[in-house]
N, C-alpha and C. Protein backbone atom coordinates (compact mmCIF):
# COMPACT_ATOMS: atom_id res chain seq x y z
N UNK A 1 -11.46 -1.22 -17.60
CA UNK A 1 -10.62 -1.11 -16.43
C UNK A 1 -11.16 0.13 -15.71
N UNK A 2 -11.42 -0.29 -14.43
CA UNK A 2 -11.92 1.08 -13.40
C UNK A 2 -10.59 1.56 -12.86
N UNK A 3 -10.78 3.02 -12.95
CA UNK A 3 -9.81 3.85 -12.70
C UNK A 3 -10.29 4.63 -11.50
N UNK A 4 -9.83 4.38 -10.17
CA UNK A 4 -10.08 5.25 -9.03
C UNK A 4 -9.32 6.61 -9.04
N UNK A 5 -9.62 7.65 -8.34
CA UNK A 5 -8.83 8.77 -8.19
C UNK A 5 -7.22 8.62 -8.29
N UNK A 6 -6.68 9.17 -9.20
CA UNK A 6 -5.25 9.02 -9.44
C UNK A 6 -4.77 7.55 -9.47
N UNK A 7 -5.59 6.73 -10.33
CA UNK A 7 -5.55 5.36 -10.44
C UNK A 7 -5.01 4.66 -9.12
N UNK A 8 -5.58 5.24 -8.23
CA UNK A 8 -5.17 4.93 -6.74
C UNK A 8 -4.01 3.89 -6.92
N UNK A 9 -3.50 4.91 -7.20
CA UNK A 9 -2.39 4.47 -6.78
C UNK A 9 -2.54 4.88 -5.39
N UNK A 10 -2.23 1.89 -5.35
CA UNK A 10 -1.22 1.82 -5.24
C UNK A 10 -1.02 0.96 -4.66
N UNK A 11 0.15 -0.05 -2.41
CA UNK A 11 0.41 0.35 -1.74
C UNK A 11 0.82 -0.77 -2.06
N UNK A 12 1.25 -2.69 -1.04
CA UNK A 12 2.60 -2.18 -0.96
C UNK A 12 3.36 -3.45 -0.74
N UNK A 13 4.45 -4.22 -0.20
CA UNK A 13 5.12 -3.72 0.62
C UNK A 13 6.32 -4.46 0.89
N UNK A 14 6.60 -4.32 2.29
CA UNK A 14 8.17 -4.47 2.42
C UNK A 14 8.57 -5.05 3.77
N UNK A 15 9.09 -6.68 4.03
CA UNK A 15 9.42 -7.07 5.40
C UNK A 15 11.07 -6.79 5.44
N UNK A 16 11.34 -5.74 6.27
CA UNK A 16 12.48 -5.09 6.30
C UNK A 16 13.42 -6.10 7.12
N UNK A 17 14.63 -6.42 6.72
CA UNK A 17 15.52 -7.34 7.62
C UNK A 17 16.66 -6.34 7.80
N UNK A 18 16.63 -5.32 8.66
CA UNK A 18 17.54 -4.24 8.97
C UNK A 18 18.74 -4.91 9.87
N UNK A 19 19.98 -4.67 9.44
CA UNK A 19 21.29 -5.27 9.99
C UNK A 19 21.96 -4.22 10.48
N UNK A 20 22.44 -4.02 11.80
CA UNK A 20 23.40 -3.05 12.38
C UNK A 20 24.71 -3.54 12.35
N UNK A 21 25.64 -2.81 12.13
CA UNK A 21 27.14 -3.18 12.08
C UNK A 21 27.80 -2.46 13.02
N UNK A 22 28.71 -2.97 13.83
CA UNK A 22 29.67 -2.15 14.66
C UNK A 22 30.90 -2.58 13.94
N UNK A 23 31.84 -1.33 13.91
CA UNK A 23 33.06 -1.91 13.27
C UNK A 23 34.07 -0.73 13.38
N UNK A 24 35.34 -1.02 13.47
CA UNK A 24 36.31 0.00 13.37
C UNK A 24 37.03 -0.03 14.81
N UNK A 25 38.28 -0.14 15.00
CA UNK A 25 38.92 0.07 16.40
C UNK A 25 40.11 0.78 15.92
N UNK A 26 40.58 1.41 17.04
CA UNK A 26 41.90 2.24 16.73
C UNK A 26 42.96 1.90 18.10
N UNK A 27 44.05 1.43 17.47
CA UNK A 27 45.12 1.24 18.41
C UNK A 27 44.86 0.27 19.51
N UNK A 28 45.98 -0.54 19.73
CA UNK A 28 46.08 -1.46 20.99
C UNK A 28 44.73 -2.58 21.08
N UNK A 29 44.70 -3.10 22.05
CA UNK A 29 43.56 -4.20 22.10
C UNK A 29 42.72 -3.43 23.24
N UNK A 30 41.36 -3.21 22.91
CA UNK A 30 40.22 -2.65 23.90
C UNK A 30 40.16 -3.69 24.86
N UNK A 31 39.69 -3.06 26.24
CA UNK A 31 39.28 -4.04 27.20
C UNK A 31 38.12 -4.78 26.96
N UNK A 32 37.92 -6.07 27.30
CA UNK A 32 36.69 -6.85 26.91
C UNK A 32 35.50 -6.11 27.27
N UNK A 33 34.38 -6.33 26.84
CA UNK A 33 33.14 -5.65 27.37
C UNK A 33 32.54 -6.34 28.69
N UNK A 34 31.70 -5.85 29.43
CA UNK A 34 31.24 -6.44 30.59
C UNK A 34 30.53 -7.82 30.18
N UNK A 35 30.51 -8.40 31.16
CA UNK A 35 29.92 -10.09 30.72
C UNK A 35 28.52 -9.91 30.24
N UNK A 36 27.79 -8.85 30.70
CA UNK A 36 26.32 -8.58 30.41
C UNK A 36 25.99 -7.95 29.20
N UNK A 37 27.03 -7.52 28.51
CA UNK A 37 26.98 -6.95 27.07
C UNK A 37 27.32 -7.91 25.98
N UNK A 38 26.51 -7.95 25.09
CA UNK A 38 26.80 -8.74 23.92
C UNK A 38 27.18 -7.97 22.71
N UNK A 39 28.23 -8.09 22.22
CA UNK A 39 28.76 -7.32 20.95
C UNK A 39 29.02 -8.18 19.92
N UNK A 40 28.17 -7.78 18.75
CA UNK A 40 28.73 -8.58 17.37
C UNK A 40 29.34 -7.35 16.43
N UNK A 41 30.40 -7.79 15.56
CA UNK A 41 31.06 -6.98 14.66
C UNK A 41 30.78 -7.59 13.30
N UNK A 42 30.23 -6.73 12.48
CA UNK A 42 29.94 -7.17 11.20
C UNK A 42 30.37 -6.22 10.34
N UNK A 43 31.69 -6.10 9.94
CA UNK A 43 32.30 -4.54 9.36
C UNK A 43 31.51 -4.23 7.82
N UNK A 44 31.33 -5.33 7.19
CA UNK A 44 30.46 -5.07 5.86
C UNK A 44 28.95 -5.19 5.93
N UNK A 45 28.37 -5.22 6.94
CA UNK A 45 26.93 -5.06 6.86
C UNK A 45 26.58 -3.99 6.88
N UNK A 46 25.42 -3.70 6.00
CA UNK A 46 24.99 -2.21 6.05
C UNK A 46 23.48 -2.24 5.90
N UNK A 47 22.61 -1.28 6.28
CA UNK A 47 21.21 -1.52 6.22
C UNK A 47 20.77 -1.07 4.77
N UNK A 48 19.88 -1.89 4.20
CA UNK A 48 19.53 -1.71 2.77
C UNK A 48 18.74 -0.36 2.88
N UNK A 49 19.26 0.52 1.70
CA UNK A 49 18.71 1.85 1.43
C UNK A 49 17.17 1.81 0.87
N UNK A 50 16.94 0.67 0.37
CA UNK A 50 15.57 0.58 -0.44
C UNK A 50 14.73 -0.08 0.57
N UNK A 51 14.76 -0.28 1.64
CA UNK A 51 13.65 -0.70 2.65
C UNK A 51 13.50 0.00 3.74
N UNK A 52 12.30 -0.11 4.47
CA UNK A 52 12.01 0.68 5.53
C UNK A 52 11.34 -0.21 6.72
N UNK A 53 11.86 0.20 7.79
CA UNK A 53 11.68 -0.64 9.18
C UNK A 53 10.17 -0.78 9.34
N UNK A 54 9.88 -2.17 9.56
CA UNK A 54 8.38 -2.66 9.92
C UNK A 54 7.84 -3.04 8.51
N UNK A 55 8.35 -3.05 7.47
CA UNK A 55 7.45 -3.08 6.18
C UNK A 55 8.16 -4.54 5.58
N UNK A 56 7.11 -5.34 4.89
CA UNK A 56 7.60 -6.49 4.34
C UNK A 56 8.24 -6.33 2.97
N UNK A 57 9.43 -6.93 2.76
CA UNK A 57 9.89 -7.05 1.36
C UNK A 57 8.99 -7.40 0.09
N UNK A 58 8.71 -6.51 -0.52
CA UNK A 58 7.91 -6.86 -1.72
C UNK A 58 6.30 -7.05 -1.37
N UNK A 59 5.45 -6.53 -2.30
CA UNK A 59 4.10 -6.48 -2.03
C UNK A 59 3.71 -8.14 -2.39
N UNK A 60 2.59 -8.56 -2.02
CA UNK A 60 2.12 -9.78 -2.63
C UNK A 60 1.82 -9.64 -3.88
N UNK A 61 2.31 -10.87 -4.66
CA UNK A 61 2.15 -10.96 -6.11
C UNK A 61 0.70 -11.24 -6.61
N UNK A 62 -0.21 -11.58 -5.62
CA UNK A 62 -1.55 -12.07 -6.22
C UNK A 62 -2.55 -11.44 -5.05
N UNK A 63 -3.62 -10.95 -5.64
CA UNK A 63 -4.65 -10.23 -4.99
C UNK A 63 -5.33 -10.98 -3.85
N UNK A 64 -5.36 -12.36 -4.27
CA UNK A 64 -6.32 -13.14 -3.27
C UNK A 64 -5.44 -13.30 -1.91
N UNK A 65 -4.06 -12.96 -2.09
CA UNK A 65 -3.30 -13.04 -0.74
C UNK A 65 -3.27 -11.95 0.12
N UNK A 66 -4.03 -10.91 -0.06
CA UNK A 66 -3.86 -9.69 0.58
C UNK A 66 -4.91 -9.57 1.72
N UNK A 67 -5.83 -10.45 1.73
CA UNK A 67 -7.06 -10.31 2.77
C UNK A 67 -7.13 -11.66 3.56
N UNK A 68 -7.20 -11.72 4.88
CA UNK A 68 -7.11 -12.86 5.74
C UNK A 68 -8.27 -13.76 5.23
N UNK A 69 -7.84 -14.98 5.21
CA UNK A 69 -8.85 -16.14 4.73
C UNK A 69 -10.31 -15.88 5.12
N UNK A 70 -10.43 -15.76 6.57
CA UNK A 70 -11.67 -15.77 7.05
C UNK A 70 -12.35 -14.25 6.70
N UNK A 71 -11.78 -13.31 6.51
CA UNK A 71 -12.57 -12.09 6.22
C UNK A 71 -12.79 -11.96 4.78
N UNK A 72 -11.82 -12.80 4.14
CA UNK A 72 -12.20 -12.86 2.57
C UNK A 72 -13.35 -13.73 2.33
N UNK A 73 -13.63 -14.63 2.92
CA UNK A 73 -14.89 -15.59 2.75
C UNK A 73 -16.02 -14.77 3.21
N UNK A 74 -15.82 -14.25 4.29
CA UNK A 74 -17.32 -13.49 4.87
C UNK A 74 -17.50 -12.13 4.02
N UNK A 75 -16.47 -11.48 3.50
CA UNK A 75 -16.71 -10.09 2.79
C UNK A 75 -16.93 -10.42 1.32
N UNK A 76 -16.15 -11.25 0.61
CA UNK A 76 -15.94 -11.07 -0.77
C UNK A 76 -16.64 -12.07 -1.39
N UNK A 77 -16.96 -13.13 -0.66
CA UNK A 77 -17.61 -14.29 -1.13
C UNK A 77 -17.32 -14.77 -2.59
N UNK A 78 -18.35 -14.72 -3.38
CA UNK A 78 -17.88 -15.12 -4.64
C UNK A 78 -17.91 -14.17 -5.77
N UNK A 79 -17.72 -12.92 -5.34
CA UNK A 79 -17.41 -11.90 -6.09
C UNK A 79 -16.01 -12.18 -7.15
N UNK A 80 -16.34 -12.06 -8.55
CA UNK A 80 -15.18 -12.44 -9.36
C UNK A 80 -13.94 -11.31 -8.96
N UNK A 81 -12.92 -11.85 -9.06
CA UNK A 81 -11.60 -11.12 -8.69
C UNK A 81 -10.72 -10.87 -10.33
N UNK A 82 -10.56 -9.85 -10.52
CA UNK A 82 -9.73 -9.29 -11.78
C UNK A 82 -10.32 -10.36 -12.83
N UNK A 83 -11.79 -10.23 -13.14
CA UNK A 83 -12.18 -10.74 -14.20
C UNK A 83 -12.07 -10.15 -15.53
N UNK A 84 -11.56 -10.74 -16.64
CA UNK A 84 -11.29 -10.28 -17.78
C UNK A 84 -12.27 -9.35 -18.59
N UNK A 85 -13.66 -9.46 -18.12
CA UNK A 85 -14.42 -8.56 -18.63
C UNK A 85 -14.59 -7.32 -18.05
N UNK A 86 -13.74 -7.24 -16.96
CA UNK A 86 -13.62 -5.94 -16.12
C UNK A 86 -12.28 -5.27 -16.09
N UNK A 87 -11.30 -5.98 -16.29
CA UNK A 87 -9.99 -5.42 -16.29
C UNK A 87 -9.10 -6.29 -17.04
N UNK A 88 -8.07 -5.63 -17.96
CA UNK A 88 -7.08 -6.57 -18.74
C UNK A 88 -6.15 -7.38 -17.89
N UNK A 89 -5.72 -8.38 -18.38
CA UNK A 89 -4.83 -9.38 -17.58
C UNK A 89 -3.55 -8.54 -17.23
N UNK A 90 -3.06 -7.84 -18.19
CA UNK A 90 -1.83 -7.07 -18.07
C UNK A 90 -1.76 -5.91 -16.88
N UNK A 91 -2.95 -5.65 -16.49
CA UNK A 91 -3.10 -4.44 -15.22
C UNK A 91 -3.80 -4.89 -14.27
N UNK A 92 -3.55 -6.47 -14.11
CA UNK A 92 -4.01 -7.09 -12.73
C UNK A 92 -3.15 -7.65 -11.94
N UNK A 93 -3.44 -7.99 -10.96
CA UNK A 93 -2.59 -8.60 -9.90
C UNK A 93 -1.06 -7.81 -9.91
N UNK A 94 0.10 -8.51 -10.11
CA UNK A 94 1.50 -7.67 -10.13
C UNK A 94 1.44 -6.82 -11.24
N UNK A 95 1.76 -5.53 -11.35
CA UNK A 95 1.99 -4.70 -12.33
C UNK A 95 3.38 -3.94 -12.25
N UNK A 96 3.64 -3.73 -13.46
CA UNK A 96 5.35 -2.83 -13.68
C UNK A 96 4.80 -1.72 -13.56
N UNK A 97 5.61 -0.96 -12.72
CA UNK A 97 5.18 0.49 -12.53
C UNK A 97 5.99 1.38 -13.83
N UNK A 98 5.65 2.49 -14.23
CA UNK A 98 6.02 3.19 -15.10
C UNK A 98 6.58 4.50 -15.03
N UNK A 99 7.62 4.90 -15.60
CA UNK A 99 8.20 6.33 -15.07
C UNK A 99 7.20 7.29 -15.33
N UNK A 100 7.35 8.39 -14.60
CA UNK A 100 6.36 9.78 -14.66
C UNK A 100 7.31 10.81 -15.15
N UNK A 101 6.76 11.56 -16.14
CA UNK A 101 7.54 12.72 -16.70
C UNK A 101 8.08 13.65 -15.51
N UNK A 102 9.21 14.56 -15.50
CA UNK A 102 9.46 15.43 -14.61
C UNK A 102 8.23 16.35 -14.28
N UNK A 103 8.21 16.76 -13.25
CA UNK A 103 7.11 17.87 -12.87
C UNK A 103 5.68 17.19 -12.83
N UNK A 104 5.43 15.93 -13.05
CA UNK A 104 4.08 15.26 -13.17
C UNK A 104 3.43 15.44 -11.78
N UNK A 105 2.01 15.87 -11.67
CA UNK A 105 1.31 15.86 -10.24
C UNK A 105 1.53 14.66 -9.48
N UNK A 106 1.59 14.64 -8.43
CA UNK A 106 1.60 13.80 -7.30
C UNK A 106 0.62 12.48 -7.45
N UNK A 107 -0.55 12.65 -8.07
CA UNK A 107 -1.67 11.75 -8.36
C UNK A 107 -1.13 10.92 -9.51
N UNK A 108 -0.73 11.52 -10.51
CA UNK A 108 0.00 10.80 -11.59
C UNK A 108 1.20 9.87 -11.27
N UNK A 109 2.05 10.76 -10.52
CA UNK A 109 3.36 9.76 -9.97
C UNK A 109 2.90 8.55 -9.16
N UNK A 110 1.77 8.56 -8.23
CA UNK A 110 1.32 7.54 -7.40
C UNK A 110 0.57 6.56 -8.68
N UNK A 111 -0.09 7.08 -9.32
CA UNK A 111 -0.92 6.00 -10.20
C UNK A 111 0.10 5.08 -11.14
N UNK A 112 1.26 6.02 -11.77
CA UNK A 112 2.21 5.07 -12.58
C UNK A 112 2.88 4.34 -11.65
N UNK A 113 3.10 4.31 -10.18
CA UNK A 113 3.89 3.54 -9.62
C UNK A 113 3.42 2.45 -9.03
N UNK A 114 2.00 2.23 -9.42
CA UNK A 114 1.26 0.88 -8.95
C UNK A 114 1.95 -0.30 -9.13
N UNK A 115 2.19 -1.26 -8.08
CA UNK A 115 2.70 -2.67 -8.32
C UNK A 115 1.84 -3.60 -8.13
N UNK A 116 0.53 -3.52 -7.60
CA UNK A 116 -0.43 -4.26 -7.26
C UNK A 116 -1.73 -3.78 -7.54
N UNK A 117 -2.69 -4.48 -8.37
CA UNK A 117 -3.83 -3.69 -8.80
C UNK A 117 -4.99 -5.05 -8.56
N UNK A 118 -6.00 -4.56 -7.82
CA UNK A 118 -6.83 -5.66 -7.55
C UNK A 118 -8.45 -5.22 -7.74
N UNK A 119 -9.09 -5.94 -8.50
CA UNK A 119 -10.57 -5.34 -8.68
C UNK A 119 -11.61 -6.46 -8.55
N UNK A 120 -12.40 -6.31 -7.45
CA UNK A 120 -13.42 -7.42 -7.09
C UNK A 120 -14.64 -6.78 -7.92
N UNK A 121 -15.29 -7.36 -8.79
CA UNK A 121 -16.42 -6.93 -9.54
C UNK A 121 -17.06 -7.89 -10.59
N UNK A 122 -18.51 -8.09 -10.41
CA UNK A 122 -18.86 -8.88 -11.47
C UNK A 122 -19.16 -8.24 -12.67
N UNK A 123 -18.70 -8.99 -13.91
CA UNK A 123 -18.79 -7.99 -15.22
C UNK A 123 -20.13 -7.48 -15.42
N UNK A 124 -21.08 -7.98 -15.08
CA UNK A 124 -22.49 -7.74 -15.20
C UNK A 124 -23.20 -6.60 -14.15
N UNK A 125 -22.29 -6.28 -13.14
CA UNK A 125 -22.65 -5.43 -12.06
C UNK A 125 -22.78 -4.14 -12.53
N UNK A 126 -23.88 -3.25 -12.37
CA UNK A 126 -23.64 -2.02 -12.87
C UNK A 126 -23.11 -0.98 -11.99
N UNK A 127 -22.93 -1.12 -10.51
CA UNK A 127 -22.11 -0.40 -9.71
C UNK A 127 -21.37 -0.87 -8.65
N UNK A 128 -21.72 -2.15 -8.19
CA UNK A 128 -20.90 -2.88 -7.11
C UNK A 128 -19.65 -3.18 -7.58
N UNK A 129 -18.64 -2.64 -6.60
CA UNK A 129 -17.17 -2.93 -7.04
C UNK A 129 -16.15 -2.86 -5.97
N UNK A 130 -15.05 -3.25 -5.66
CA UNK A 130 -14.11 -2.94 -4.72
C UNK A 130 -12.72 -3.01 -5.60
N UNK A 131 -11.98 -2.03 -5.38
CA UNK A 131 -10.72 -1.78 -6.13
C UNK A 131 -9.62 -1.34 -5.18
N UNK A 132 -8.41 -2.08 -5.15
CA UNK A 132 -7.18 -1.84 -4.37
C UNK A 132 -5.96 -1.78 -5.31
N UNK A 133 -5.22 -0.73 -4.76
CA UNK A 133 -3.84 -0.72 -5.38
C UNK A 133 -2.95 -0.41 -4.19
N UNK A 134 -1.71 -1.01 -4.64
CA UNK A 134 -0.49 -0.54 -3.65
C UNK A 134 0.72 -0.25 -4.52
N UNK A 135 1.56 0.79 -3.94
CA UNK A 135 2.51 1.28 -4.75
C UNK A 135 3.60 1.57 -3.61
N UNK A 136 4.83 1.51 -4.29
CA UNK A 136 6.01 2.21 -3.33
C UNK A 136 6.07 3.62 -3.82
N UNK A 137 6.39 4.64 -2.96
CA UNK A 137 6.26 5.94 -3.38
C UNK A 137 7.21 6.79 -2.56
N UNK A 138 7.78 7.99 -2.79
CA UNK A 138 8.44 9.02 -1.97
C UNK A 138 7.36 9.24 -0.81
N UNK A 139 7.78 9.16 0.22
CA UNK A 139 6.97 9.51 1.62
C UNK A 139 6.45 10.86 1.43
N UNK A 140 7.21 11.88 1.32
CA UNK A 140 6.94 13.28 1.05
C UNK A 140 5.99 13.52 0.25
N UNK A 141 6.26 12.95 -1.11
CA UNK A 141 5.22 13.23 -2.40
C UNK A 141 3.87 12.58 -1.91
N UNK A 142 3.92 11.39 -1.24
CA UNK A 142 2.49 10.68 -1.01
C UNK A 142 1.80 11.63 -0.22
N UNK A 143 2.56 12.17 1.00
CA UNK A 143 1.77 12.94 2.00
C UNK A 143 1.44 14.08 1.63
N UNK A 144 2.12 14.73 0.67
CA UNK A 144 1.62 15.94 -0.18
C UNK A 144 0.26 15.70 -0.98
N UNK A 145 0.17 14.45 -1.54
CA UNK A 145 -0.94 14.02 -2.10
C UNK A 145 -2.11 14.00 -1.45
N UNK A 146 -1.93 13.41 -0.09
CA UNK A 146 -2.94 13.26 0.85
C UNK A 146 -3.50 14.89 1.47
N UNK A 147 -2.38 15.82 1.24
CA UNK A 147 -2.76 17.12 1.71
C UNK A 147 -3.83 17.76 0.59
N UNK A 148 -3.45 17.30 -0.63
CA UNK A 148 -4.31 17.92 -1.81
C UNK A 148 -5.70 17.19 -1.65
N UNK A 149 -5.84 16.05 -0.99
CA UNK A 149 -7.11 15.37 -0.90
C UNK A 149 -7.94 16.03 0.28
N UNK A 150 -7.02 16.42 1.35
CA UNK A 150 -7.88 17.17 2.58
C UNK A 150 -8.53 18.63 1.94
N UNK A 151 -8.01 18.91 0.85
CA UNK A 151 -8.47 20.35 0.28
C UNK A 151 -9.68 20.05 -0.44
N UNK A 152 -10.25 18.60 -0.79
CA UNK A 152 -11.00 18.29 -1.53
C UNK A 152 -12.30 17.49 -0.77
N UNK A 153 -12.22 17.84 0.36
CA UNK A 153 -13.25 17.31 1.10
C UNK A 153 -13.06 16.02 1.65
N UNK A 154 -11.95 15.54 1.60
CA UNK A 154 -11.53 14.33 2.35
C UNK A 154 -11.30 14.49 3.76
N UNK A 155 -11.64 13.38 4.54
CA UNK A 155 -11.49 13.51 5.89
C UNK A 155 -10.18 12.89 6.16
N UNK A 156 -9.15 13.43 6.78
CA UNK A 156 -7.71 12.91 6.99
C UNK A 156 -7.39 12.80 8.34
N UNK A 157 -6.89 11.62 8.60
CA UNK A 157 -6.43 11.40 10.15
C UNK A 157 -5.17 10.44 10.24
N UNK A 158 -4.35 10.50 11.30
CA UNK A 158 -3.29 9.75 11.56
C UNK A 158 -3.88 8.24 12.25
N UNK A 159 -3.52 7.10 11.53
CA UNK A 159 -4.12 6.01 12.02
C UNK A 159 -3.18 4.91 11.31
N UNK A 160 -3.51 3.72 12.25
CA UNK A 160 -2.47 2.36 11.69
C UNK A 160 -1.17 2.68 11.59
N UNK A 161 -0.68 3.62 12.16
CA UNK A 161 0.95 3.71 11.82
C UNK A 161 1.16 4.85 10.68
N UNK A 162 0.27 5.34 10.06
CA UNK A 162 0.27 6.21 8.75
C UNK A 162 -0.60 7.38 9.03
N UNK A 163 -0.81 7.84 7.58
CA UNK A 163 -1.91 8.70 7.48
C UNK A 163 -3.05 8.32 6.48
N UNK A 164 -4.20 8.67 6.66
CA UNK A 164 -5.39 8.09 5.56
C UNK A 164 -6.23 9.16 5.47
N UNK A 165 -6.94 9.37 4.24
CA UNK A 165 -7.72 10.31 3.99
C UNK A 165 -8.95 9.51 3.26
N UNK A 166 -10.34 9.88 3.62
CA UNK A 166 -11.37 9.11 3.24
C UNK A 166 -12.37 9.95 2.55
N UNK A 167 -12.99 9.65 1.55
CA UNK A 167 -14.14 10.60 1.22
C UNK A 167 -15.49 9.64 0.90
N UNK A 168 -16.59 9.60 1.46
CA UNK A 168 -17.76 8.92 1.08
C UNK A 168 -18.73 10.01 0.42
N UNK A 169 -19.32 9.48 -0.70
CA UNK A 169 -20.23 10.36 -1.45
C UNK A 169 -21.42 9.63 -1.90
N UNK A 170 -22.53 9.84 -2.53
CA UNK A 170 -23.56 9.48 -2.97
C UNK A 170 -23.21 9.11 -4.53
N UNK A 171 -23.64 7.96 -5.06
CA UNK A 171 -23.14 7.87 -6.55
C UNK A 171 -24.47 8.55 -7.20
N UNK A 172 -23.85 9.20 -8.35
CA UNK A 172 -24.80 10.03 -9.06
C UNK A 172 -25.92 9.43 -9.73
N UNK A 173 -25.83 8.23 -9.95
CA UNK A 173 -26.92 7.54 -10.72
C UNK A 173 -27.64 6.35 -9.99
N UNK A 174 -26.97 5.88 -8.95
CA UNK A 174 -27.69 4.65 -8.14
C UNK A 174 -27.62 5.13 -6.56
N UNK A 175 -28.51 4.60 -5.81
CA UNK A 175 -28.78 4.92 -4.64
C UNK A 175 -27.85 4.22 -3.55
N UNK A 176 -26.60 4.47 -3.95
CA UNK A 176 -25.59 3.97 -3.08
C UNK A 176 -24.53 4.76 -2.89
N UNK A 177 -23.71 4.46 -1.87
CA UNK A 177 -22.43 5.38 -1.63
C UNK A 177 -21.30 4.88 -2.22
N UNK A 178 -20.37 5.73 -2.47
CA UNK A 178 -19.08 5.39 -3.24
C UNK A 178 -18.07 5.80 -1.98
N UNK A 179 -16.77 5.01 -1.97
CA UNK A 179 -15.92 5.46 -1.02
C UNK A 179 -14.64 5.23 -1.64
N UNK A 180 -13.73 6.33 -1.09
CA UNK A 180 -12.25 6.40 -1.67
C UNK A 180 -11.43 6.67 -0.44
N UNK A 181 -10.52 5.78 -0.29
CA UNK A 181 -9.32 5.92 0.68
C UNK A 181 -8.11 5.80 0.23
N UNK A 182 -7.06 6.75 0.65
CA UNK A 182 -5.77 6.78 0.42
C UNK A 182 -5.01 6.59 1.76
N UNK A 183 -4.11 5.84 1.75
CA UNK A 183 -3.21 5.70 2.99
C UNK A 183 -1.82 5.52 2.64
N UNK A 184 -0.82 6.38 3.47
CA UNK A 184 0.53 6.50 3.44
C UNK A 184 1.20 6.08 4.59
N UNK A 185 2.08 5.13 4.56
CA UNK A 185 2.92 4.79 5.68
C UNK A 185 4.35 4.31 5.17
N UNK A 186 5.47 4.74 5.58
CA UNK A 186 6.80 4.75 5.29
C UNK A 186 6.79 5.07 3.78
N UNK A 187 7.28 3.97 3.14
CA UNK A 187 7.38 4.23 1.61
C UNK A 187 6.24 3.70 0.72
N UNK A 188 5.05 3.27 1.48
CA UNK A 188 4.06 2.66 0.87
C UNK A 188 2.82 3.36 0.57
N UNK A 189 2.07 3.43 -0.57
CA UNK A 189 0.80 4.16 -0.93
C UNK A 189 -0.12 2.97 -1.12
N UNK A 190 -1.32 2.98 -0.38
CA UNK A 190 -2.42 2.32 -0.67
C UNK A 190 -3.66 2.98 -1.09
N UNK A 191 -4.58 2.64 -1.86
CA UNK A 191 -5.73 3.08 -2.21
C UNK A 191 -6.98 2.11 -2.32
N UNK A 192 -8.06 2.41 -1.90
CA UNK A 192 -9.27 1.66 -1.78
C UNK A 192 -10.35 2.32 -2.58
N UNK A 193 -10.94 1.83 -3.39
CA UNK A 193 -12.22 2.54 -4.01
C UNK A 193 -13.27 1.54 -4.20
N UNK A 194 -14.55 1.99 -3.73
CA UNK A 194 -15.73 0.96 -3.63
C UNK A 194 -16.96 1.63 -3.92
N UNK A 195 -17.92 0.77 -4.27
CA UNK A 195 -19.12 1.13 -4.25
C UNK A 195 -20.32 -0.09 -4.04
N UNK A 196 -21.14 0.39 -3.19
CA UNK A 196 -22.03 -0.95 -2.63
C UNK A 196 -21.38 -2.08 -2.45
N UNK A 197 -20.44 -1.96 -1.68
CA UNK A 197 -19.60 -3.13 -1.27
C UNK A 197 -19.21 -2.96 0.13
N UNK A 198 -19.68 -4.00 0.98
CA UNK A 198 -19.22 -3.94 2.37
C UNK A 198 -17.85 -4.71 2.70
N UNK A 199 -16.90 -3.77 3.15
CA UNK A 199 -15.56 -4.24 3.25
C UNK A 199 -15.26 -3.71 4.78
N UNK A 200 -15.68 -4.10 5.93
CA UNK A 200 -15.23 -3.69 6.95
C UNK A 200 -13.75 -4.17 7.24
N UNK A 201 -13.20 -3.21 7.94
CA UNK A 201 -11.76 -3.37 8.39
C UNK A 201 -10.88 -3.58 7.31
N UNK A 202 -11.23 -3.29 6.09
CA UNK A 202 -10.22 -3.67 5.02
C UNK A 202 -9.05 -3.16 5.19
N UNK A 203 -8.88 -1.80 5.39
CA UNK A 203 -7.87 -1.09 5.43
C UNK A 203 -6.73 -1.59 6.63
N UNK A 204 -7.45 -2.04 7.77
CA UNK A 204 -6.69 -2.75 9.01
C UNK A 204 -6.25 -4.00 8.36
N UNK A 205 -6.69 -4.71 7.83
CA UNK A 205 -6.49 -6.30 7.04
C UNK A 205 -5.11 -5.84 6.12
N UNK A 206 -5.29 -5.02 5.48
CA UNK A 206 -4.22 -4.68 4.46
C UNK A 206 -2.90 -4.22 5.17
N UNK A 207 -3.15 -3.33 6.11
CA UNK A 207 -1.86 -2.99 6.88
C UNK A 207 -1.40 -4.17 7.66
N UNK A 208 -2.27 -5.11 8.32
CA UNK A 208 -1.69 -6.29 8.95
C UNK A 208 -1.02 -7.09 7.95
N UNK A 209 -1.33 -7.15 6.77
CA UNK A 209 -0.71 -8.07 5.77
C UNK A 209 0.86 -7.65 5.26
N UNK A 210 0.69 -6.21 5.42
CA UNK A 210 2.32 -5.61 4.88
C UNK A 210 3.11 -5.17 5.96
N UNK A 211 2.66 -4.82 7.00
CA UNK A 211 3.50 -4.31 8.11
C UNK A 211 3.51 -5.50 9.28
N UNK A 212 4.71 -5.86 9.74
CA UNK A 212 4.88 -6.77 10.79
C UNK A 212 5.37 -6.10 12.07
């Protein structure tokens, strides 16, 4: 199994169906609202505390569904996905998060929170691969982790409605570059690790698949 920085942990997600409720009247019969105003009263409806506006409810359960079909065909071609010679079946596609001990570093917490784990790699490849993880995580903790990455020569910027940090460096053994990206938006953490793998607009594609 390939392990990116902090098992990249991660991301994501969730289509929120937020429901606003208006309730409660005191004394007498209030005058009707103006004809141009529409009022609905749902005393028991409350926004779900576990979801965030603009995020799809639940991450995709299969890695093949997180990339638009046209981009998938053009970029990934016939590269094996979650090949058993590369990654254990129990750690591929949908993954069950595991609790982190109190006081665990943010990177460990994010790694343990991963819910979708995808690896594109031929078992016979020496270096060429792409790995994506998605996790739900505390927004403040995830941003704190990005702050740590900024102190490790990652370039960080606000983009795509969230914040991302990226590091590109030469591989120590092969004449190719390695790339690492961590992205946080709302309560979702995404990570991308790759080497010798052309994946233009991948982060944009992932964000487009998760946030509506």
